Protein backbone atom coordinates (compact mmCIF):
# COMPACT_ATOMS: atom_id res chain seq x y z
CA MET A 1 -18.03 10.54 6.39
CA PRO A 2 -21.29 8.54 6.20
CA LEU A 3 -21.18 5.09 7.75
CA SER A 4 -22.17 3.62 4.37
CA THR A 5 -18.94 4.82 2.78
CA ALA A 6 -16.89 1.72 1.96
CA ILE A 7 -13.14 1.47 2.41
CA VAL A 8 -11.20 -0.33 -0.29
CA LEU A 9 -7.84 -1.76 0.85
CA LEU A 10 -5.14 -2.27 -1.77
CA PRO A 11 -2.26 -4.57 -0.75
CA GLY A 12 1.51 -4.25 -0.80
CA MET A 13 3.77 -5.95 -3.33
CA ASP A 14 2.54 -9.43 -2.36
CA GLY A 15 -0.78 -8.45 -3.90
CA THR A 16 -2.79 -10.81 -1.70
CA GLY A 17 -4.13 -8.60 1.06
CA GLU A 18 -3.24 -11.35 3.55
CA PHE A 19 -1.66 -8.88 5.95
CA LEU A 20 -4.56 -6.42 5.64
CA LYS A 21 -7.07 -8.76 7.28
CA PRO A 22 -6.49 -7.57 10.89
CA LEU A 23 -7.05 -3.97 9.79
CA ALA A 24 -10.13 -4.96 7.80
CA ALA A 25 -11.57 -6.70 10.85
CA GLN A 26 -11.21 -3.49 12.86
CA LEU A 27 -12.62 -1.18 10.18
CA SER A 28 -15.55 -3.47 9.34
CA ARG A 29 -17.10 -2.66 12.73
CA TYR A 30 -17.96 0.76 11.33
CA ARG A 31 -18.41 0.43 7.57
CA PRO A 32 -18.09 -1.94 4.59
CA VAL A 33 -14.54 -3.01 3.80
CA LEU A 34 -13.23 -4.58 0.61
CA ILE A 35 -9.75 -6.06 0.18
CA VAL A 36 -8.71 -6.28 -3.46
CA ASP A 37 -6.36 -9.13 -4.42
CA TYR A 38 -4.30 -8.76 -7.59
CA PRO A 39 -4.09 -11.41 -10.33
CA THR A 40 -1.14 -13.79 -10.10
CA ASP A 41 -1.55 -15.38 -13.54
CA ARG A 42 -0.25 -12.35 -15.43
CA ALA A 43 1.98 -9.35 -14.80
CA LEU A 44 0.11 -6.03 -14.83
CA ASN A 45 1.68 -2.59 -14.75
CA TYR A 46 0.41 0.22 -12.55
CA ASP A 47 -2.11 1.59 -15.05
CA GLU A 48 -3.47 -1.89 -15.75
CA LEU A 49 -3.82 -2.57 -12.03
CA ALA A 50 -5.63 0.75 -11.59
CA SER A 51 -8.12 -0.30 -14.28
CA TYR A 52 -8.49 -3.71 -12.63
CA VAL A 53 -9.24 -2.16 -9.24
CA ARG A 54 -11.59 0.43 -10.71
CA GLY A 55 -13.76 -2.37 -12.02
CA SER A 56 -14.02 -3.73 -8.48
CA LEU A 57 -15.02 -0.53 -6.69
CA PRO A 58 -18.34 -0.89 -4.86
CA GLY A 59 -21.17 1.64 -4.59
CA GLU A 60 -21.01 5.35 -5.21
CA ARG A 61 -18.70 6.56 -2.44
CA VAL A 62 -15.45 4.90 -1.45
CA VAL A 63 -12.26 5.66 0.41
CA VAL A 64 -9.24 4.01 -1.19
CA LEU A 65 -6.24 2.97 0.91
CA GLY A 66 -3.03 2.04 -0.89
CA GLU A 67 -0.42 0.19 1.14
CA SER A 68 3.22 0.53 0.04
CA PHE A 69 3.32 -0.77 -3.58
CA SER A 70 -0.32 0.20 -4.12
CA GLY A 71 0.01 3.89 -3.27
CA PRO A 72 0.37 4.92 -6.94
CA ILE A 73 -2.73 2.86 -7.79
CA ALA A 74 -4.75 4.60 -5.09
CA ILE A 75 -3.51 7.97 -6.35
CA GLU A 76 -4.57 7.22 -9.90
CA LEU A 77 -8.02 6.14 -8.76
CA ALA A 78 -8.45 9.28 -6.64
CA ALA A 79 -7.46 11.44 -9.60
CA ALA A 80 -9.64 9.66 -12.16
CA ASP A 81 -12.75 8.32 -10.41
CA PRO A 82 -15.30 10.67 -8.80
CA ARG A 83 -16.52 7.84 -6.56
CA VAL A 84 -13.30 8.14 -4.55
CA VAL A 85 -14.09 10.58 -1.73
CA GLY A 86 -11.00 9.87 0.38
CA LEU A 87 -7.40 8.82 -0.25
CA ILE A 88 -5.14 7.08 2.26
CA LEU A 89 -1.50 6.19 1.65
CA ALA A 90 0.11 3.83 4.16
CA SER A 91 3.91 3.36 4.12
CA SER A 92 3.73 4.45 0.52
CA PHE A 93 4.96 6.89 -2.10
CA ALA A 94 3.93 8.83 -5.18
CA ARG A 95 7.34 8.68 -6.87
CA HIS A 96 9.80 5.78 -6.94
CA PRO A 97 11.44 5.49 -3.50
CA LEU A 98 14.72 4.06 -4.85
CA PRO A 99 16.97 5.02 -7.79
CA THR A 100 15.68 3.88 -11.18
CA GLN A 101 19.16 2.48 -11.93
CA LEU A 102 18.27 -0.46 -9.69
CA THR A 103 15.69 -1.63 -12.26
CA ARG A 104 18.24 -3.91 -13.94
CA LEU A 105 18.69 -5.79 -10.66
CA THR A 106 15.02 -6.77 -10.42
CA LYS A 107 15.71 -9.82 -12.61
CA LEU A 108 17.59 -11.27 -9.64
CA LEU A 109 14.58 -11.13 -7.33
CA ASP A 110 13.20 -14.50 -6.38
CA PRO A 111 10.96 -14.65 -3.28
CA LYS A 112 11.67 -18.36 -2.83
CA TRP A 113 15.35 -17.63 -2.23
CA MET A 114 15.01 -14.48 -0.14
CA PRO A 115 16.20 -15.10 3.44
CA THR A 116 13.11 -14.75 5.60
CA SER A 117 15.10 -13.17 8.43
CA VAL A 118 16.31 -10.37 6.14
CA VAL A 119 12.85 -9.71 4.73
CA VAL A 120 11.27 -9.72 8.19
CA ALA A 121 13.88 -7.27 9.47
CA ALA A 122 13.25 -4.89 6.56
CA LEU A 123 9.46 -5.06 6.67
CA MET A 124 8.60 -5.55 10.34
CA GLY A 125 11.71 -4.98 12.41
CA ALA A 126 11.28 -5.59 16.14
CA ALA A 127 7.49 -5.58 15.79
CA ALA A 128 7.49 -9.00 14.11
CA THR A 129 5.76 -11.76 16.03
CA PRO A 130 6.34 -15.50 15.48
CA GLU A 131 2.94 -15.69 13.77
CA LEU A 132 3.72 -12.82 11.41
CA ARG A 133 7.11 -14.34 10.61
CA GLU A 134 5.53 -17.67 9.70
CA ARG A 135 2.81 -16.06 7.58
CA LEU A 136 5.38 -13.98 5.72
CA ARG A 137 7.56 -17.03 5.06
CA ASP A 138 4.58 -18.96 3.65
CA LEU A 139 3.54 -16.00 1.53
CA LEU A 140 7.00 -15.54 0.04
CA ALA A 141 7.14 -19.22 -0.87
CA GLY A 142 3.97 -18.90 -2.94
CA LEU A 143 4.69 -15.71 -4.89
CA PRO A 144 5.47 -16.17 -8.61
CA ARG A 145 8.94 -14.82 -9.41
CA ASP A 146 7.90 -13.06 -12.63
CA ILE A 147 5.10 -11.20 -10.84
CA VAL A 148 7.43 -9.97 -8.09
CA GLN A 149 10.01 -8.84 -10.62
CA SER A 150 7.40 -7.00 -12.67
CA ARG A 151 6.01 -5.18 -9.64
CA ALA A 152 9.51 -4.22 -8.49
CA ARG A 153 10.24 -2.73 -11.93
CA ASN A 154 7.02 -0.74 -11.74
CA VAL A 155 7.97 0.64 -8.33
CA LEU A 156 11.36 1.79 -9.61
CA ARG A 157 9.83 3.63 -12.58
CA VAL A 158 6.63 5.16 -11.19
CA ASP A 159 6.02 8.89 -10.79
CA LYS A 160 2.49 9.91 -9.80
CA LEU A 161 3.33 13.25 -8.18
CA LYS A 162 1.54 15.24 -10.90
CA ARG A 163 -1.52 13.00 -10.64
CA LEU A 164 -1.43 13.38 -6.87
CA SER A 165 -1.49 17.17 -7.20
CA GLU A 166 -4.62 16.79 -9.32
CA THR A 167 -6.55 14.93 -6.62
CA ARG A 168 -9.09 16.91 -4.62
CA CYS A 169 -10.52 14.50 -2.05
CA PRO A 170 -9.42 14.54 1.61
CA MET A 171 -6.15 12.72 2.10
CA LEU A 172 -4.33 10.92 4.91
CA CYS A 173 -0.75 9.66 4.96
CA LEU A 174 0.21 6.99 7.52
CA HIS A 175 3.90 6.36 8.01
CA GLY A 176 6.13 4.49 10.43
CA ARG A 177 9.05 6.18 12.12
CA SER A 178 11.00 2.91 11.78
CA ASP A 179 10.22 2.36 8.10
CA ARG A 180 13.42 1.08 6.46
CA LEU A 181 12.08 0.98 2.91
CA VAL A 182 10.09 4.17 2.34
CA ARG A 183 11.81 7.19 3.82
CA LYS A 184 10.66 10.59 5.05
CA LYS A 185 11.65 12.03 1.65
CA GLN A 186 8.68 10.25 0.10
CA VAL A 187 6.34 11.74 2.72
CA ASP A 188 7.80 15.18 2.03
CA ASP A 189 7.13 14.70 -1.70
CA ILE A 190 3.53 13.75 -0.97
CA VAL A 191 2.97 16.80 1.21
CA ALA A 192 4.58 19.06 -1.40
CA ALA A 193 2.04 17.79 -3.95
CA ARG A 194 -0.87 17.89 -1.48
CA PRO A 195 -0.11 20.47 1.25
CA ASP A 196 -3.49 19.77 2.86
CA CYS A 197 -2.66 16.07 3.40
CA GLN A 198 -2.98 14.91 6.98
CA VAL A 199 0.17 13.07 8.05
CA HIS A 200 0.15 10.69 11.00
CA TRP A 201 3.39 9.12 12.21
CA LEU A 202 3.31 5.83 14.09
CA ASP A 203 6.10 4.19 16.09
CA ALA A 204 6.01 1.34 13.63
CA PRO A 205 7.95 -0.38 10.80
CA HIS A 206 7.08 -0.52 7.11
CA MET A 207 4.27 -3.05 7.51
CA LEU A 208 2.46 -0.91 10.07
CA LEU A 209 -0.98 -2.05 8.95
CA ALA A 210 -0.08 -5.61 10.01
CA THR A 211 1.95 -4.84 13.12
CA HIS A 212 -0.15 -1.92 14.42
CA ALA A 213 -3.60 -2.65 13.00
CA ASP A 214 -5.53 -1.35 16.02
CA GLU A 215 -3.74 2.00 16.08
CA ALA A 216 -3.97 2.38 12.31
CA ALA A 217 -7.71 1.64 12.40
CA ARG A 218 -8.28 4.35 15.01
CA VAL A 219 -6.43 6.95 12.95
CA ILE A 220 -8.32 5.95 9.79
CA GLU A 221 -11.69 6.20 11.51
CA GLU A 222 -10.80 9.63 12.90
CA PHE A 223 -9.90 10.69 9.38
């Protein structure tokens, strides 16, 4: 991959890219890196977010990395935009990782009332540092409730397996062995749709890009 090939990083459900900055710092030593933040003034579904990101893609050749929530967006871009020459899914999925019946419960989600200790345990496990805990607490406090609920509904309804099978660019899947949110079943589904996908397992939790940025950067650069 030419050194001029940019890497576009798409964030998890927070939509801010705040926890992608350590990874971006590592990757930027080798090539241009762009973190895309999502709008917080309106709720956008997956297809609308894909269009939003597409308008932000730089240059002629890009690798798109979708973390967790953003995996389906990265898949759609790889299937639709010839500028995408590489696809990376990190702790992510192509088809909803939880039963769609849980959609009705999304109206109860409110990040301001989520116990930080529970969220930290689910997302970072034992890899959480005091700094990461504090940053996550501050981030949760600032997330609009309607945006979080909308994104959760999108996650519980999405199915991009067919679109994934239509992608042709090289593909890498990064996944943590201690991921409590996205299970091995989702990785198996990805590989079934793209048998040539490279899969790299890390001894890491769901937010592996934040907790294991150095290791993730090395694997991405090798890819």
